[in-house]
PDB file of N, CA and C in Angstrom:
ATOM      1  N   MET A   1     105.216 106.262 109.932  1.00  0.00           N
ATOM      2  CA  MET A   1     105.480 104.961 109.356  1.00  0.00           C
ATOM      3  C   MET A   1     106.953 104.828 108.980  1.00  0.00           C
ATOM      4  N   LEU A   2     107.511 105.879 108.410  1.00  0.00           N
ATOM      5  CA  LEU A   2     108.916 105.849 108.026  1.00  0.00           C
ATOM      6  C   LEU A   2     109.810 105.700 109.260  1.00  0.00           C
ATOM      7  N   ARG A   3     109.413 106.378 110.323  1.00  0.00           N
ATOM      8  CA  ARG A   3     110.196 106.309 111.562  1.00  0.00           C
ATOM      9  C   ARG A   3     110.242 104.875 112.082  1.00  0.00           C
ATOM     10  N   TYR A   4     109.091 104.185 112.081  1.00  0.00           N
ATOM     11  CA  TYR A   4     109.035 102.801 112.547  1.00  0.00           C
ATOM     12  C   TYR A   4     109.902 101.901 111.668  1.00  0.00           C
ATOM     13  N   THR A   5     109.828 102.101 110.367  1.00  0.00           N
ATOM     14  CA  THR A   5     110.617 101.292 109.439  1.00  0.00           C
ATOM     15  C   THR A   5     112.113 101.500 109.678  1.00  0.00           C
ATOM     16  N   LEU A   6     112.520 102.753 109.865  1.00  0.00           N
ATOM     17  CA  LEU A   6     113.931 103.026 110.127  1.00  0.00           C
ATOM     18  C   LEU A   6     114.382 102.436 111.463  1.00  0.00           C
ATOM     19  N   MET A   7     113.495 102.466 112.442  1.00  0.00           N
ATOM     20  CA  MET A   7     113.834 101.872 113.730  1.00  0.00           C
ATOM     21  C   MET A   7     113.976 100.350 113.608  1.00  0.00           C
ATOM     22  N   ARG A   8     113.103  99.725 112.824  1.00  0.00           N
ATOM     23  CA  ARG A   8     113.205  98.279 112.582  1.00  0.00           C
ATOM     24  C   ARG A   8     114.520  97.950 111.888  1.00  0.00           C
ATOM     25  N   LEU A   9     114.879  98.755 110.879  1.00  0.00           N
ATOM     26  CA  LEU A   9     116.148  98.534 110.189  1.00  0.00           C
ATOM     27  C   LEU A   9     117.331  98.721 111.131  1.00  0.00           C
ATOM     28  N   GLY A  10     117.225  99.675 112.047  1.00  0.00           N
ATOM     29  CA  GLY A  10     118.285  99.890 113.027  1.00  0.00           C
ATOM     30  C   GLY A  10     118.456  98.707 113.949  1.00  0.00           C
ATOM     31  N   VAL A  11     117.352  98.137 114.409  1.00  0.00           N
ATOM     32  CA  VAL A  11     117.430  96.950 115.271  1.00  0.00           C
ATOM     33  C   VAL A  11     118.049  95.792 114.496  1.00  0.00           C
ATOM     34  N   PHE A  12     117.624  95.629 113.237  1.00  0.00           N
ATOM     35  CA  PHE A  12     118.195  94.558 112.410  1.00  0.00           C
ATOM     36  C   PHE A  12     119.687  94.776 112.196  1.00  0.00           C
ATOM     37  N   ALA A  13     120.092  96.002 111.907  1.00  0.00           N
ATOM     38  CA  ALA A  13     121.521  96.290 111.682  1.00  0.00           C
ATOM     39  C   ALA A  13     122.327  96.015 112.949  1.00  0.00           C
ATOM     40  N   GLY A  14     121.788  96.394 114.102  1.00  0.00           N
ATOM     41  CA  GLY A  14     122.480  96.107 115.360  1.00  0.00           C
ATOM     42  C   GLY A  14     122.638  94.614 115.583  1.00  0.00           C
ATOM     43  N   CYS A  15     121.574  93.862 115.322  1.00  0.00           N
ATOM     44  CA  CYS A  15     121.654  92.399 115.459  1.00  0.00           C
ATOM     45  C   CYS A  15     122.624  91.813 114.448  1.00  0.00           C
ATOM     46  N   LEU A  16     122.653  92.368 113.258  1.00  0.00           N
ATOM     47  CA  LEU A  16     123.570  91.888 112.227  1.00  0.00           C
ATOM     48  C   LEU A  16     125.021  92.056 112.668  1.00  0.00           C
ATOM     49  N   VAL A  17     125.338  93.201 113.230  1.00  0.00           N
ATOM     50  CA  VAL A  17     126.707  93.450 113.700  1.00  0.00           C
ATOM     51  C   VAL A  17     127.058  92.494 114.830  1.00  0.00           C
ATOM     52  N   VAL A  18     126.143  92.311 115.772  1.00  0.00           N
ATOM     53  CA  VAL A  18     126.411  91.418 116.910  1.00  0.00           C
ATOM     54  C   VAL A  18     126.573  89.982 116.434  1.00  0.00           C
ATOM     55  N   VAL A  19     125.678  89.504 115.579  1.00  0.00           N
ATOM     56  CA  VAL A  19     125.768  88.128 115.090  1.00  0.00           C
ATOM     57  C   VAL A  19     127.039  87.942 114.271  1.00  0.00           C
ATOM     58  N   TRP A  20     127.358  88.922 113.435  1.00  0.00           N
ATOM     59  CA  TRP A  20     128.585  88.821 112.644  1.00  0.00           C
ATOM     60  C   TRP A  20     129.801  88.694 113.562  1.00  0.00           C
ATOM     61  N   GLY A  21     129.828  89.507 114.603  1.00  0.00           N
ATOM     62  CA  GLY A  21     130.945  89.418 115.559  1.00  0.00           C
ATOM     63  C   GLY A  21     130.995  88.071 116.267  1.00  0.00           C
ATOM     64  N   LEU A  22     129.834  87.553 116.646  1.00  0.00           N
ATOM     65  CA  LEU A  22     129.797  86.249 117.324  1.00  0.00           C
ATOM     66  C   LEU A  22     130.213  85.104 116.398  1.00  0.00           C
ATOM     67  N   VAL A  23     129.819  85.177 115.137  1.00  0.00           N
ATOM     68  CA  VAL A  23     130.190  84.129 114.181  1.00  0.00           C
ATOM     69  C   VAL A  23     131.695  84.152 113.920  1.00  0.00           C
ATOM     70  N   TYR A  24     132.230  85.334 113.699  1.00  0.00           N
ATOM     71  CA  TYR A  24     133.658  85.407 113.380  1.00  0.00           C
ATOM     72  C   TYR A  24     134.561  85.238 114.587  1.00  0.00           C
ATOM     73  N   SER A  25     134.010  85.383 115.780  1.00  0.00           N
ATOM     74  CA  SER A  25     134.819  85.100 116.966  1.00  0.00           C
ATOM     75  C   SER A  25     134.715  83.631 117.359  1.00  0.00           C
ATOM     76  N   GLY A  26     133.804  82.891 116.734  1.00  0.00           N
ATOM     77  CA  GLY A  26     133.700  81.459 116.987  1.00  0.00           C
ATOM     78  C   GLY A  26     132.684  81.094 118.055  1.00  0.00           C
ATOM     79  N   VAL A  27     131.995  82.042 118.613  1.00  0.00           N
ATOM     80  CA  VAL A  27     131.001  81.744 119.647  1.00  0.00           C
ATOM     81  C   VAL A  27     129.778  81.047 119.031  1.00  0.00           C
ATOM     82  N   VAL A  28     129.370  81.505 117.858  1.00  0.00           N
ATOM     83  CA  VAL A  28     128.254  80.907 117.127  1.00  0.00           C
ATOM     84  C   VAL A  28     128.846  80.186 115.930  1.00  0.00           C
ATOM     85  N   PRO A  29     128.362  78.969 115.618  1.00  0.00           N
ATOM     86  CA  PRO A  29     128.941  78.226 114.495  1.00  0.00           C
ATOM     87  C   PRO A  29     128.752  78.931 113.156  1.00  0.00           C
ATOM     88  N   ARG A  30     129.724  78.728 112.277  1.00  0.00           N
ATOM     89  CA  ARG A  30     129.639  79.284 110.921  1.00  0.00           C
ATOM     90  C   ARG A  30     128.683  78.448 110.090  1.00  0.00           C
ATOM     91  N   GLY A  31     128.198  79.020 108.997  1.00  0.00           N
ATOM     92  CA  GLY A  31     127.324  78.278 108.093  1.00  0.00           C
ATOM     93  C   GLY A  31     128.117  77.212 107.352  1.00  0.00           C
ATOM     94  N   LEU A  32     127.420  76.368 106.636  1.00  0.00           N
ATOM     95  CA  LEU A  32     128.063  75.303 105.878  1.00  0.00           C
ATOM     96  C   LEU A  32     128.559  75.830 104.537  1.00  0.00           C
ATOM     97  N   GLY A  33     129.787  75.585 104.215  1.00  0.00           N
ATOM     98  CA  GLY A  33     130.344  75.979 102.925  1.00  0.00           C
ATOM     99  C   GLY A  33     130.281  77.472 102.691  1.00  0.00           C
ATOM    100  N   ASP A  34     129.647  77.850 101.579  1.00  0.00           N
ATOM    101  CA  ASP A  34     129.542  79.258 101.206  1.00  0.00           C
ATOM    102  C   ASP A  34     128.287  79.937 101.771  1.00  0.00           C
ATOM    103  N   SER A  35     127.598  79.278 102.667  1.00  0.00           N
ATOM    104  CA  SER A  35     126.344  79.831 103.175  1.00  0.00           C
ATOM    105  C   SER A  35     126.529  80.734 104.393  1.00  0.00           C
ATOM    106  N   ASN A  36     127.747  81.137 104.685  1.00  0.00           N
ATOM    107  CA  ASN A  36     128.029  81.915 105.884  1.00  0.00           C
ATOM    108  C   ASN A  36     127.262  83.235 105.922  1.00  0.00           C
ATOM    109  N   ILE A  37     127.217  83.967 104.810  1.00  0.00           N
ATOM    110  CA  ILE A  37     126.520  85.254 104.781  1.00  0.00           C
ATOM    111  C   ILE A  37     125.015  85.047 104.969  1.00  0.00           C
ATOM    112  N   MET A  38     124.452  84.041 104.302  1.00  0.00           N
ATOM    113  CA  MET A  38     123.030  83.754 104.466  1.00  0.00           C
ATOM    114  C   MET A  38     122.721  83.356 105.909  1.00  0.00           C
ATOM    115  N   TRP A  39     123.591  82.581 106.523  1.00  0.00           N
ATOM    116  CA  TRP A  39     123.422  82.176 107.918  1.00  0.00           C
ATOM    117  C   TRP A  39     123.393  83.400 108.834  1.00  0.00           C
ATOM    118  N   ILE A  40     124.312  84.325 108.626  1.00  0.00           N
ATOM    119  CA  ILE A  40     124.380  85.533 109.458  1.00  0.00           C
ATOM    120  C   ILE A  40     123.116  86.379 109.263  1.00  0.00           C
ATOM    121  N   LEU A  41     122.681  86.555 108.014  1.00  0.00           N
ATOM    122  CA  LEU A  41     121.473  87.338 107.740  1.00  0.00           C
ATOM    123  C   LEU A  41     120.229  86.691 108.351  1.00  0.00           C
ATOM    124  N   LEU A  42     120.098  85.383 108.176  1.00  0.00           N
ATOM    125  CA  LEU A  42     118.935  84.682 108.711  1.00  0.00           C
ATOM    126  C   LEU A  42     118.907  84.725 110.231  1.00  0.00           C
ATOM    127  N   LEU A  43     120.042  84.478 110.856  1.00  0.00           N
ATOM    128  CA  LEU A  43     120.118  84.518 112.313  1.00  0.00           C
ATOM    129  C   LEU A  43     119.825  85.932 112.834  1.00  0.00           C
ATOM    130  N   SER A  44     120.318  86.936 112.153  1.00  0.00           N
ATOM    131  CA  SER A  44     120.042  88.322 112.545  1.00  0.00           C
ATOM    132  C   SER A  44     118.563  88.644 112.428  1.00  0.00           C
ATOM    133  N   LEU A  45     117.938  88.176 111.373  1.00  0.00           N
ATOM    134  CA  LEU A  45     116.507  88.409 111.176  1.00  0.00           C
ATOM    135  C   LEU A  45     115.684  87.723 112.260  1.00  0.00           C
ATOM    136  N   VAL A  46     116.035  86.492 112.578  1.00  0.00           N
ATOM    137  CA  VAL A  46     115.299  85.736 113.602  1.00  0.00           C
ATOM    138  C   VAL A  46     115.460  86.389 114.975  1.00  0.00           C
ATOM    139  N   ILE A  47     116.617  86.917 115.268  1.00  0.00           N
ATOM    140  CA  ILE A  47     116.850  87.557 116.566  1.00  0.00           C
ATOM    141  C   ILE A  47     116.206  88.942 116.621  1.00  0.00           C
ATOM    142  N   SER A  48     116.259  89.696 115.515  1.00  0.00           N
ATOM    143  CA  SER A  48     115.745  91.072 115.546  1.00  0.00           C
ATOM    144  C   SER A  48     114.221  91.140 115.578  1.00  0.00           C
ATOM    145  N   ALA A  49     113.531  90.125 115.056  1.00  0.00           N
ATOM    146  CA  ALA A  49     112.061  90.168 115.009  1.00  0.00           C
ATOM    147  C   ALA A  49     111.433  90.253 116.408  1.00  0.00           C
ATOM    148  N   PRO A  50     111.760  89.360 117.339  1.00  0.00           N
ATOM    149  CA  PRO A  50     111.134  89.492 118.665  1.00  0.00           C
ATOM    150  C   PRO A  50     111.609  90.732 119.431  1.00  0.00           C
ATOM    151  N   ILE A  51     112.852  91.138 119.202  1.00  0.00           N
ATOM    152  CA  ILE A  51     113.342  92.356 119.854  1.00  0.00           C
ATOM    153  C   ILE A  51     112.537  93.559 119.372  1.00  0.00           C
ATOM    154  N   SER A  52     112.324  93.651 118.074  1.00  0.00           N
ATOM    155  CA  SER A  52     111.534  94.750 117.513  1.00  0.00           C
ATOM    156  C   SER A  52     110.101  94.702 118.015  1.00  0.00           C
ATOM    157  N   PHE A  53     109.559  93.500 118.133  1.00  0.00           N
ATOM    158  CA  PHE A  53     108.177  93.350 118.579  1.00  0.00           C
ATOM    159  C   PHE A  53     107.996  93.915 119.985  1.00  0.00           C
ATOM    160  N   VAL A  54     108.962  93.679 120.854  1.00  0.00           N
ATOM    161  CA  VAL A  54     108.859  94.134 122.239  1.00  0.00           C
ATOM    162  C   VAL A  54     109.288  95.593 122.382  1.00  0.00           C
ATOM    163  N   VAL A  55     110.426  95.935 121.823  1.00  0.00           N
ATOM    164  CA  VAL A  55     111.014  97.260 122.037  1.00  0.00           C
ATOM    165  C   VAL A  55     110.255  98.359 121.290  1.00  0.00           C
ATOM    166  N   LEU A  56     109.742  98.054 120.103  1.00  0.00           N
ATOM    167  CA  LEU A  56     109.106  99.074 119.271  1.00  0.00           C
ATOM    168  C   LEU A  56     107.582  99.048 119.346  1.00  0.00           C
ATOM    169  N   ARG A  57     107.020  98.511 120.421  1.00  0.00           N
ATOM    170  CA  ARG A  57     105.568  98.385 120.549  1.00  0.00           C
ATOM    171  C   ARG A  57     104.857  99.739 120.433  1.00  0.00           C
ATOM    172  N   LYS A  58     105.324 100.744 121.154  1.00  0.00           N
ATOM    173  CA  LYS A  58     104.664 102.056 121.129  1.00  0.00           C
ATOM    174  C   LYS A  58     104.741 102.688 119.741  1.00  0.00           C
ATOM    175  N   GLU A  59     105.898 102.579 119.114  1.00  0.00           N
ATOM    176  CA  GLU A  59     106.062 103.156 117.778  1.00  0.00           C
ATOM    177  C   GLU A  59     105.200 102.416 116.757  1.00  0.00           C
ATOM    178  N   ARG A  60     105.077 101.099 116.901  1.00  0.00           N
ATOM    179  CA  ARG A  60     104.236 100.311 116.000  1.00  0.00           C
ATOM    180  C   ARG A  60     102.764 100.708 116.173  1.00  0.00           C
ATOM    181  N   ASP A  61     102.337 100.907 117.422  1.00  0.00           N
ATOM    182  CA  ASP A  61     100.954 101.338 117.667  1.00  0.00           C
ATOM    183  C   ASP A  61     100.699 102.713 117.059  1.00  0.00           C
ATOM    184  N   ARG A  62     101.669 103.613 117.184  1.00  0.00           N
ATOM    185  CA  ARG A  62     101.544 104.945 116.598  1.00  0.00           C
ATOM    186  C   ARG A  62     101.442 104.853 115.068  1.00  0.00           C
ATOM    187  N   ALA A  63     102.252 104.000 114.479  1.00  0.00           N
ATOM    188  CA  ALA A  63     102.231 103.836 113.025  1.00  0.00           C
ATOM    189  C   ALA A  63     100.914 103.211 112.570  1.00  0.00           C
ATOM    190  N   SER A  64     100.384 102.264 113.337  1.00  0.00           N
ATOM    191  CA  SER A  64      99.128 101.630 112.938  1.00  0.00           C
ATOM    192  C   SER A  64      97.964 102.610 113.030  1.00  0.00           C
ATOM    193  N   VAL A  65      97.978 103.508 114.011  1.00  0.00           N
ATOM    194  CA  VAL A  65      96.945 104.539 114.102  1.00  0.00           C
ATOM    195  C   VAL A  65      97.006 105.430 112.861  1.00  0.00           C
ATOM    196  N   HIS A  66      98.216 105.776 112.443  1.00  0.00           N
ATOM    197  CA  HIS A  66      98.390 106.611 111.246  1.00  0.00           C
ATOM    198  C   HIS A  66      97.841 105.892 110.012  1.00  0.00           C
ATOM    199  N   VAL A  67      98.114 104.599 109.894  1.00  0.00           N
ATOM    200  CA  VAL A  67      97.639 103.829 108.743  1.00  0.00           C
ATOM    201  C   VAL A  67      96.112 103.736 108.762  1.00  0.00           C
ATOM    202  N   VAL A  68      95.528 103.495 109.934  1.00  0.00           N
ATOM    203  CA  VAL A  68      94.071 103.403 110.041  1.00  0.00           C
ATOM    204  C   VAL A  68      93.422 104.733 109.662  1.00  0.00           C
ATOM    205  N   GLN A  69      93.986 105.845 110.106  1.00  0.00           N
ATOM    206  CA  GLN A  69      93.448 107.158 109.748  1.00  0.00           C
ATOM    207  C   GLN A  69      93.514 107.377 108.241  1.00  0.00           C
ATOM    208  N   ARG A  70      94.612 106.978 107.631  1.00  0.00           N
ATOM    209  CA  ARG A  70      94.760 107.149 106.188  1.00  0.00           C
ATOM    210  C   ARG A  70      93.740 106.295 105.430  1.00  0.00           C
ATOM    211  N   VAL A  71      93.528 105.059 105.883  1.00  0.00           N
ATOM    212  CA  VAL A  71      92.552 104.178 105.240  1.00  0.00           C
ATOM    213  C   VAL A  71      91.145 104.739 105.401  1.00  0.00           C
ATOM    214  N   ASP A  72      90.816 105.225 106.596  1.00  0.00           N
ATOM    215  CA  ASP A  72      89.493 105.814 106.816  1.00  0.00           C
ATOM    216  C   ASP A  72      89.268 107.034 105.924  1.00  0.00           C
ATOM    217  N   ARG A  73      90.302 107.869 105.781  1.00  0.00           N
ATOM    218  CA  ARG A  73      90.194 109.046 104.921  1.00  0.00           C
ATOM    219  C   ARG A  73      89.982 108.636 103.463  1.00  0.00           C
ATOM    220  N   MET A  74      90.700 107.591 103.025  1.00  0.00           N
ATOM    221  CA  MET A  74      90.546 107.123 101.644  1.00  0.00           C
ATOM    222  C   MET A  74      89.162 106.524 101.423  1.00  0.00           C
ATOM    223  N   LYS A  75      88.638 105.801 102.423  1.00  0.00           N
ATOM    224  CA  LYS A  75      87.284 105.250 102.308  1.00  0.00           C
ATOM    225  C   LYS A  75      86.256 106.369 102.216  1.00  0.00           C
ATOM    226  N   ALA A  76      86.415 107.412 103.026  1.00  0.00           N
ATOM    227  CA  ALA A  76      85.484 108.544 102.984  1.00  0.00           C
ATOM    228  C   ALA A  76      85.537 109.238 101.627  1.00  0.00           C
ATOM    229  N   ASN A  77      86.733 109.439 101.084  1.00  0.00           N
ATOM    230  CA  ASN A  77      86.864 110.057  99.755  1.00  0.00           C
ATOM    231  C   ASN A  77      86.232 109.179  98.686  1.00  0.00           C
ATOM    232  N   LEU A  78      86.436 107.872  98.781  1.00  0.00           N
ATOM    233  CA  LEU A  78      85.852 106.953  97.807  1.00  0.00           C
ATOM    234  C   LEU A  78      84.334 106.977  97.886  1.00  0.00           C
ATOM    235  N   GLU A  79      83.809 107.005  99.107  1.00  0.00           N
ATOM    236  CA  GLU A  79      82.355 107.057  99.278  1.00  0.00           C
ATOM    237  C   GLU A  79      81.780 108.374  98.744  1.00  0.00           C
ATOM    238  N   ALA A  80      82.491 109.479  98.990  1.00  0.00           N
ATOM    239  CA  ALA A  80      82.045 110.776  98.473  1.00  0.00           C
ATOM    240  C   ALA A  80      82.046 110.774  96.946  1.00  0.00           C
ATOM    241  N   ASN A  81      83.086 110.209  96.349  1.00  0.00           N
ATOM    242  CA  ASN A  81      83.141 110.131  94.884  1.00  0.00           C
ATOM    243  C   ASN A  81      82.031 109.240  94.342  1.00  0.00           C
ATOM    244  N   LYS A  82      81.767 108.136  95.047  1.00  0.00           N
ATOM    245  CA  LYS A  82      80.727 107.221  94.593  1.00  0.00           C
ATOM    246  C   LYS A  82      79.353 107.881  94.658  1.00  0.00           C
ATOM    247  N   SER A  83      79.068 108.610  95.741  1.00  0.00           N
ATOM    248  CA  SER A  83      77.772 109.271  95.853  1.00  0.00           C
ATOM    249  C   SER A  83      77.643 110.396  94.828  1.00  0.00           C
ATOM    250  N   GLN A  84      78.739 111.084  94.541  1.00  0.00           N
ATOM    251  CA  GLN A  84      78.720 112.136  93.525  1.00  0.00           C
ATOM    252  C   GLN A  84      78.465 111.518  92.152  1.00  0.00           C
ATOM    253  N   GLU A  85      79.080 110.380  91.881  1.00  0.00           N
ATOM    254  CA  GLU A  85      78.869 109.701  90.608  1.00  0.00           C
ATOM    255  C   GLU A  85      77.423 109.214  90.496  1.00  0.00           C
ATOM    256  N   ASP A  86      76.876 108.673  91.583  1.00  0.00           N
ATOM    257  CA  ASP A  86      75.479 108.227  91.568  1.00  0.00           C
ATOM    258  C   ASP A  86      74.537 109.394  91.295  1.00  0.00           C
ATOM    259  N   ALA A  87      74.802 110.539  91.894  1.00  0.00           N
ATOM    260  CA  ALA A  87      73.957 111.717  91.681  1.00  0.00           C
ATOM    261  C   ALA A  87      74.021 112.166  90.224  1.00  0.00           C
ATOM    262  N   THR A  88      75.198 112.121  89.627  1.00  0.00           N
ATOM    263  CA  THR A  88      75.353 112.508  88.222  1.00  0.00           C
ATOM    264  C   THR A  88      74.596 111.558  87.309  1.00  0.00           C
ATOM    265  N   ILE A  89      74.677 110.273  87.605  1.00  0.00           N
ATOM    266  CA  ILE A  89      73.963 109.277  86.788  1.00  0.00           C
ATOM    267  C   ILE A  89      72.463 109.462  86.928  1.00  0.00           C
ATOM    268  N   ASP A  90      71.994 109.718  88.154  1.00  0.00           N
ATOM    269  CA  ASP A  90      70.568 109.945  88.368  1.00  0.00           C
ATOM    270  C   ASP A  90      70.086 111.184  87.619  1.00  0.00           C
ATOM    271  N   GLU A  91      70.872 112.253  87.635  1.00  0.00           N
ATOM    272  CA  GLU A  91      70.501 113.476  86.912  1.00  0.00           C
ATOM    273  C   GLU A  91      70.430 113.220  85.417  1.00  0.00           C
ATOM    274  N   ALA A  92      71.386 112.466  84.894  1.00  0.00           N
ATOM    275  CA  ALA A  92      71.399 112.170  83.464  1.00  0.00           C
ATOM    276  C   ALA A  92      70.202 111.307  83.078  1.00  0.00           C
ATOM    277  N   ALA A  93      69.863 110.344  83.929  1.00  0.00           N
ATOM    278  CA  ALA A  93      68.706 109.486  83.641  1.00  0.00           C
ATOM    279  C   ALA A  93      67.412 110.292  83.711  1.00  0.00           C
ATOM    280  N   HIS A  94      67.350 111.201  84.659  1.00  0.00           N
ATOM    281  CA  HIS A  94      66.158 112.041  84.810  1.00  0.00           C
ATOM    282  C   HIS A  94      66.005 112.982  83.611  1.00  0.00           C
ATOM    283  N   ALA A  95      67.092 113.488  83.091  1.00  0.00           N
ATOM    284  CA  ALA A  95      67.053 114.403  81.945  1.00  0.00           C
ATOM    285  C   ALA A  95      66.607 113.675  80.680  1.00  0.00           C
ATOM    286  N   GLN A  96      66.879 112.381  80.556  1.00  0.00           N
ATOM    287  CA  GLN A  96      66.529 111.625  79.362  1.00  0.00           C
ATOM    288  C   GLN A  96      65.088 111.118  79.423  1.00  0.00           C
ATOM    289  N   THR A  97      64.491 111.035  80.599  1.00  0.00           N
ATOM    290  CA  THR A  97      63.129 110.533  80.751  1.00  0.00           C
ATOM    291  C   THR A  97      62.152 111.637  80.336  1.00  0.00           C
ATOM    292  N   PRO A  98      61.232 111.342  79.405  1.00  0.00           N
ATOM    293  CA  PRO A  98      60.263 112.383  78.990  1.00  0.00           C
ATOM    294  C   PRO A  98      59.248 112.655  80.101  1.00  0.00           C
ATOM    295  N   ALA A  99      58.799 113.876  80.154  1.00  0.00           N
ATOM    296  CA  ALA A  99      57.780 114.265  81.132  1.00  0.00           C
ATOM    297  C   ALA A  99      56.484 113.571  80.772  1.00  0.00           C
ATOM    298  N   PRO A 100      55.583 113.360  81.755  1.00  0.00           N
ATOM    299  CA  PRO A 100      54.296 112.702  81.448  1.00  0.00           C
ATOM    300  C   PRO A 100      53.506 113.536  80.425  1.00  0.00           C
ATOM    301  N   GLY A 101      52.964 112.853  79.464  1.00  0.00           N
ATOM    302  CA  GLY A 101      52.165 113.530  78.453  1.00  0.00           C
ATOM    303  C   GLY A 101      52.982 113.922  77.229  1.00  0.00           C
ATOM    304  N   GLN A 102      54.279 113.798  77.269  1.00  0.00           N
ATOM    305  CA  GLN A 102      55.108 114.133  76.109  1.00  0.00           C
ATOM    306  C   GLN A 102      55.455 112.844  75.389  1.00  0.00           C
ATOM    307  N   ALA A 103      55.449 112.910  74.077  1.00  0.00           N
ATOM    308  CA  ALA A 103      55.807 111.744  73.284  1.00  0.00           C
ATOM    309  C   ALA A 103      57.316 111.678  73.155  1.00  0.00           C
ATOM    310  N   GLN A 104      57.778 110.472  73.100  1.00  0.00           N
ATOM    311  CA  GLN A 104      59.210 110.276  72.968  1.00  0.00           C
ATOM    312  C   GLN A 104      59.537 110.210  71.473  1.00  0.00           C
ATOM    313  N   THR A 105      60.535 110.988  71.027  1.00  0.00           N
ATOM    314  CA  THR A 105      60.888 111.000  69.632  1.00  0.00           C
ATOM    315  C   THR A 105      62.105 110.121  69.407  1.00  0.00           C
ATOM    316  N   SER A 106      62.079 109.456  68.268  1.00  0.00           N
ATOM    317  CA  SER A 106      63.202 108.563  67.974  1.00  0.00           C
ATOM    318  C   SER A 106      63.936 109.034  66.769  1.00  0.00           C
TER     319      SER A 106
END
């Protein structure tokens, strides 16, 4: 997962450098007033998203498999804890129930 995130950041950084160069060379228009930095960041984000989607497909699939395995493991642990808790509650309830023929004392 970390590898995919770093690769996404790398694609974004590459797009940021390219867009910054294009804006300051005059090929792409500058933002209005003081919005130049926001314009460069937004344009870089819009360009890097589809590039990452296509270029990082295999890495994204690998990361999603890792996430699914982790979720499945957590669900199994939660289910095991829940069944263990149910067994403990059943044992406690059984211990408090008097045997047939015995009077319950208060």
